[in-house]
Every structure is written in C-alpha cells, then in structure tokens.
C-alpha cells in the first residue's frame, strides 16, 4: 500500500505543483492513484489557502476526490487546521460529508476527544505520532489506542544521514502499540531514507508533495504522482485492490 499526501501544510510558495482547490486535489488524487497509490490524504483548504475543518470546506473536498478516485480518502484534524481543541471537536461533529479516515496528532491537547468524536461517527482514525514529541507515551496510555486504524510514525528529522536512526528510535518507543499497524514516514531530506526503511519493515509506505518536494535523485517533483511512481520503482510496492 502506498499512501499519498497531496499537500500537507505546503502551499504554492513551496512549489507550484502543490494542489490547493478541491478540483486540483481531485485531479492530483486521480493521477497518484493511476501511478500506484492505494490511499489518498490531503488537508482541506479555504480559497485563500488556510487550513479549515468547516463542513463547507471539508464536504466539497471529500466529494471532489471521491468523484475522481475509488480509493480511501483522508484528511487531517489537527491544531494547524483548527487551533482550539474544543472547536476542533465541534467541527468534526458538524461534518455533513464524512471522509474515510482522519489523521489526529496525538501530541496535541484534545487529540483523544477528537479521536472519540470521529470513532463515534464511524470514521477511522490514523494516529500521528511525531518523533519530536511525547506522543508515543501518550498514545501507549490512551484508551482509544486499540481502536485506531493505523499509527503514522512521523519522523521529523530532515537529515538523510540520521533520519533512519531517528525512525528506529521512534519505532522502539512505540513498540507493539496495542497491535495497531505502524507506518513510518519522513519529511524533506529524510523522506526517502525513511521510505526505504518502511519498505524493509513491511509493504506499506507513504510519499507525496505534503512530505517531500524532490525525487530520490534530487530533481524537483512535478507532482505527487511522480513521487508515487518513484516509490513504486524503489520498493516494488503498488496499489492492491
């Protein structure tokens, strides 16, 4: 399985290739799935580019992507998209169109409440555990941990030489995490080394412009689909229906 992150916190100032509107994200999702992605992830954005969990923003995005691909689609509900934890829960409960899965950053205050609200609505949760936080400890003690679909072990070390070591330390800190599947992924310069490590551990990897803007050979990526194709070549991992 290849999970593709189409935008993350990036915007046009980072790369002209980063899609922002629902239509652009749907087009990018279709291209990424055609290249081998199995699951699509994106951050909902307002027309001005700000993150938002408003149902008027999330709903059209989910509908646009679902109209373009037959693959699970997820969004992020974190402090970047909505800083106030209580408001974050209210937003999730107000959604009229539900994504398949939602990423929840476990180091943030209110993470468990957001996860509970999602699970109550039948939405799968992807727990994001960052390497530079105490999220692994919080997650291990959480009563909601066994109910999440996946742990996304996010390695924040951008250095190619040390990111794999940071990834291994994070995986050691997580341990078996209640038997929940763990998908490690890196960012920027650490993205490709961690992807190779993830491929060695199992069949699931993640890439996309939300994580990395360059191909393994250092050339700027023209699209998330190009990054997915590179991941397929590197790992032999592709879409399985």
Protein backbone atom coordinates (compact mmCIF):
# COMPACT_ATOMS: atom_id res chain seq x y z
CA UNK A 1 0.00 0.00 0.00
CA UNK A 2 1.18 3.49 -0.85
CA UNK A 3 -0.46 6.38 0.97
CA UNK A 4 -0.06 9.66 -0.89
CA UNK A 5 -0.17 13.03 0.87
CA UNK A 6 -1.09 15.61 -1.76
CA UNK A 7 -0.44 18.89 0.04
CA UNK A 8 0.13 18.77 3.81
CA UNK A 9 0.99 22.20 5.16
CA UNK A 10 2.65 23.23 1.92
CA UNK A 11 1.35 25.91 -0.38
CA UNK A 12 2.10 27.49 -3.72
CA UNK A 13 5.06 29.30 -2.16
CA UNK A 14 6.74 25.93 -1.57
CA UNK A 15 6.06 24.57 -5.06
CA UNK A 16 3.74 25.45 -7.91
CA UNK A 17 2.98 21.74 -8.12
CA UNK A 18 1.16 21.67 -4.75
CA UNK A 19 -2.63 21.40 -5.37
CA UNK A 20 -4.92 23.53 -3.24
CA UNK A 21 -8.52 23.65 -4.51
CA UNK A 22 -10.88 20.65 -4.35
CA UNK A 23 -10.73 20.32 -8.13
CA UNK A 24 -6.93 20.44 -8.23
CA UNK A 25 -6.69 17.95 -5.36
CA UNK A 26 -9.14 15.60 -7.10
CA UNK A 27 -7.07 15.76 -10.30
CA UNK A 28 -3.87 15.12 -8.33
CA UNK A 29 -5.53 12.22 -6.49
CA UNK A 30 -6.56 10.58 -9.76
CA UNK A 31 -3.03 10.87 -11.15
CA UNK A 32 -1.50 9.50 -7.94
CA UNK A 33 -3.83 6.51 -7.84
CA UNK A 34 -3.09 5.80 -11.51
CA UNK A 35 0.62 5.84 -10.59
CA UNK A 36 0.12 3.25 -7.83
CA UNK A 37 -1.27 4.98 -4.72
CA UNK A 38 -3.76 2.98 -2.66
CA UNK A 39 -4.92 5.68 -0.25
CA UNK A 40 -5.15 9.46 -0.61
CA UNK A 41 -4.63 12.09 2.05
CA UNK A 42 -4.97 15.89 1.90
CA UNK A 43 -5.51 18.93 4.10
CA UNK A 44 -8.74 20.83 3.48
CA UNK A 45 -8.06 24.46 2.50
CA UNK A 46 -10.11 27.61 2.17
CA UNK A 47 -9.93 29.51 -1.15
CA UNK A 48 -7.22 31.71 0.38
CA UNK A 49 -5.14 28.64 1.31
CA UNK A 50 -5.73 28.47 5.07
CA UNK A 51 -6.43 25.13 6.71
CA UNK A 52 -10.04 24.61 7.75
CA UNK A 53 -12.30 21.94 9.25
CA UNK A 54 -15.50 23.72 8.32
CA UNK A 55 -18.10 21.39 6.76
CA UNK A 56 -18.31 23.89 3.89
CA UNK A 57 -14.64 23.18 3.18
CA UNK A 58 -14.32 19.50 4.08
CA UNK A 59 -17.50 18.35 2.33
CA UNK A 60 -16.72 19.68 -1.17
CA UNK A 61 -13.17 18.30 -0.94
CA UNK A 62 -14.33 14.82 0.03
CA UNK A 63 -16.96 14.82 -2.71
CA UNK A 64 -14.49 16.02 -5.35
CA UNK A 65 -11.88 13.40 -4.52
CA UNK A 66 -14.45 10.61 -4.25
CA UNK A 67 -15.74 11.58 -7.67
CA UNK A 68 -12.24 11.20 -9.09
CA UNK A 69 -10.89 8.03 -7.43
CA UNK A 70 -12.07 4.74 -5.99
CA UNK A 71 -9.68 4.74 -3.03
CA UNK A 72 -9.93 5.60 0.67
CA UNK A 73 -9.60 9.32 1.27
CA UNK A 74 -8.49 11.00 4.47
CA UNK A 75 -8.00 14.49 5.89
CA UNK A 76 -6.23 15.92 8.93
CA UNK A 77 -7.89 17.32 12.06
CA UNK A 78 -5.09 18.99 13.99
CA UNK A 79 -4.05 22.26 15.59
CA UNK A 80 -2.87 23.72 12.31
CA UNK A 81 -6.30 23.39 10.73
CA UNK A 82 -8.15 24.38 13.94
CA UNK A 83 -6.07 25.64 16.92
CA UNK A 84 -8.80 25.37 19.57
CA UNK A 85 -9.28 21.74 20.75
CA UNK A 86 -12.93 22.17 21.69
CA UNK A 87 -13.68 23.86 18.39
CA UNK A 88 -11.90 21.00 16.61
CA UNK A 89 -14.30 18.51 18.17
CA UNK A 90 -17.29 20.70 17.27
CA UNK A 91 -16.11 20.90 13.66
CA UNK A 92 -15.74 17.14 13.37
CA UNK A 93 -19.24 16.64 14.76
CA UNK A 94 -20.64 19.17 12.28
CA UNK A 95 -19.39 17.45 9.13
CA UNK A 96 -22.16 16.51 6.72
CA UNK A 97 -19.91 14.55 4.35
CA UNK A 98 -17.51 12.17 6.09
CA UNK A 99 -14.03 11.19 4.91
CA UNK A 100 -12.93 7.57 5.26
CA UNK A 101 -10.11 8.29 7.71
CA UNK A 102 -8.83 11.30 9.67
CA UNK A 103 -5.31 11.91 10.96
CA UNK A 104 -5.11 13.03 14.59
CA UNK A 105 -1.84 14.38 16.03
CA UNK A 106 -1.56 12.61 19.37
CA UNK A 107 0.85 15.08 20.98
CA UNK A 108 -1.77 17.84 20.81
CA UNK A 109 -4.21 18.70 23.57
CA UNK A 110 -7.65 17.42 22.68
CA UNK A 111 -6.40 14.55 20.49
CA UNK A 112 -8.33 11.90 22.39
CA UNK A 113 -11.54 13.93 22.31
CA UNK A 114 -11.20 14.43 18.54
CA UNK A 115 -10.50 10.73 18.04
CA UNK A 116 -13.51 9.79 20.17
CA UNK A 117 -15.79 12.09 18.16
CA UNK A 118 -14.57 10.57 14.89
CA UNK A 119 -14.93 6.98 16.06
CA UNK A 120 -18.43 7.73 17.33
CA UNK A 121 -19.31 8.85 13.81
CA UNK A 122 -17.84 5.73 12.24
CA UNK A 123 -14.77 7.47 10.79
CA UNK A 124 -11.45 5.63 11.01
CA UNK A 125 -8.59 7.33 12.87
CA UNK A 126 -4.95 7.47 11.86
CA UNK A 127 -2.91 8.40 14.93
CA UNK A 128 0.04 10.64 14.07
CA UNK A 129 2.99 10.10 16.41
CA UNK A 130 5.75 12.67 15.87
CA UNK A 131 9.35 11.90 16.72
CA UNK A 132 9.99 15.23 18.48
CA UNK A 133 7.11 14.94 20.97
CA UNK A 134 5.82 12.79 23.83
CA UNK A 135 3.07 11.40 21.60
CA UNK A 136 4.33 7.80 21.83
CA UNK A 137 3.94 7.86 25.60
CA UNK A 138 0.52 9.49 25.40
CA UNK A 139 -0.67 7.01 22.80
CA UNK A 140 0.52 3.98 24.75
CA UNK A 141 -1.60 5.13 27.72
CA UNK A 142 -4.67 6.09 25.69
CA UNK A 143 -7.87 4.02 25.97
CA UNK A 144 -8.59 4.91 22.33
CA UNK A 145 -5.31 3.50 21.00
CA UNK A 146 -6.61 -0.02 20.24
CA UNK A 147 -9.44 1.44 18.14
CA UNK A 148 -7.34 3.39 15.61
CA UNK A 149 -6.77 2.01 12.13
CA UNK A 150 -3.08 2.88 11.87
CA UNK A 151 -0.24 4.72 13.53
CA UNK A 152 1.60 7.14 11.26
CA UNK A 153 5.07 7.39 12.79
CA UNK A 154 6.22 10.79 11.54
CA UNK A 155 10.00 11.23 11.59
CA UNK A 156 10.69 14.96 11.82
CA UNK A 157 14.45 14.62 11.29
CA UNK A 158 15.11 16.08 7.79
CA UNK A 159 18.71 14.86 7.57
CA UNK A 160 19.20 11.93 5.20
CA UNK A 161 22.09 10.55 7.25
CA UNK A 162 20.29 10.44 10.61
CA UNK A 163 16.57 10.14 9.74
CA UNK A 164 16.63 6.30 9.67
CA UNK A 165 18.19 6.24 13.13
CA UNK A 166 15.52 8.65 14.39
CA UNK A 167 12.88 6.44 12.79
CA UNK A 168 14.19 3.33 14.54
CA UNK A 169 14.18 5.15 17.89
CA UNK A 170 10.57 6.21 17.34
CA UNK A 171 9.55 2.68 16.38
CA UNK A 172 11.26 1.35 19.51
CA UNK A 173 9.37 3.90 21.62
CA UNK A 174 6.08 2.81 20.05
CA UNK A 175 6.72 -0.90 20.48
CA UNK A 176 3.73 -3.02 19.51
CA UNK A 177 1.22 -0.18 20.33
CA UNK A 178 -1.70 -2.49 21.08
CA UNK A 179 -1.14 -4.40 17.84
CA UNK A 180 -2.02 -1.40 15.66
CA UNK A 181 -0.20 -1.29 12.27
CA UNK A 182 2.59 1.32 12.15
CA UNK A 183 3.58 3.22 9.02
CA UNK A 184 6.82 5.24 9.41
CA UNK A 185 7.36 8.18 7.08
CA UNK A 186 9.82 11.05 6.84
CA UNK A 187 9.84 14.64 5.68
CA UNK A 188 12.03 16.62 3.30
CA UNK A 189 15.58 15.22 3.23
CA UNK A 190 14.62 12.34 5.50
CA UNK A 191 11.65 11.23 3.42
CA UNK A 192 13.33 8.81 1.02
CA UNK A 193 15.65 7.16 3.57
CA UNK A 194 12.68 6.55 5.89
CA UNK A 195 10.56 5.28 2.98
CA UNK A 196 13.25 2.68 2.25
CA UNK A 197 13.24 1.69 5.91
CA UNK A 198 9.44 1.41 5.89
CA UNK A 199 9.59 -0.83 2.82
CA UNK A 200 12.04 -3.13 4.60
CA UNK A 201 9.64 -3.46 7.55
CA UNK A 202 6.52 -4.20 5.54
CA UNK A 203 4.51 -3.49 2.41
CA UNK A 204 3.19 -0.03 3.35
CA UNK A 205 4.90 3.28 2.52
CA UNK A 206 3.93 6.92 2.14
CA UNK A 207 5.02 9.77 -0.10
CA UNK A 208 3.63 12.90 -1.80
CA UNK A 209 4.27 16.61 -2.04
CA UNK A 210 3.00 17.04 1.51
CA UNK A 211 6.10 15.16 2.67
CA UNK A 212 8.83 15.77 0.11
CA UNK A 213 9.34 18.09 -2.87
CA UNK A 214 12.20 16.22 -4.54
CA UNK A 215 12.64 12.88 -6.25
CA UNK A 216 15.24 10.41 -4.96
CA UNK A 217 17.80 11.79 -7.42
CA UNK A 218 17.30 15.34 -6.14
CA UNK A 219 15.23 16.70 -9.01
CA UNK A 220 12.16 18.77 -8.08
CA UNK A 221 9.00 16.68 -8.26
CA UNK A 222 6.40 17.83 -10.75
CA UNK A 223 3.53 16.09 -8.96
CA UNK A 224 2.64 13.65 -6.20
CA UNK A 225 2.01 11.10 -8.94
CA UNK A 226 5.66 11.36 -9.96
CA UNK A 227 6.68 10.73 -6.34
CA UNK A 228 4.37 7.72 -6.15
CA UNK A 229 5.87 6.31 -9.33
CA UNK A 230 9.34 6.74 -7.84
CA UNK A 231 8.22 4.93 -4.67
CA UNK A 232 6.89 2.05 -6.78
CA UNK A 233 10.22 1.76 -8.58
CA UNK A 234 12.19 1.87 -5.33
CA UNK A 235 10.12 -0.58 -3.34
CA UNK A 236 8.04 -2.65 -5.72
CA UNK A 237 5.03 -1.56 -3.70
CA UNK A 238 1.90 -0.70 -5.63
CA UNK A 239 -1.85 -0.49 -5.40
CA UNK A 240 -3.62 -3.63 -4.24
CA UNK A 241 -7.38 -3.70 -4.58
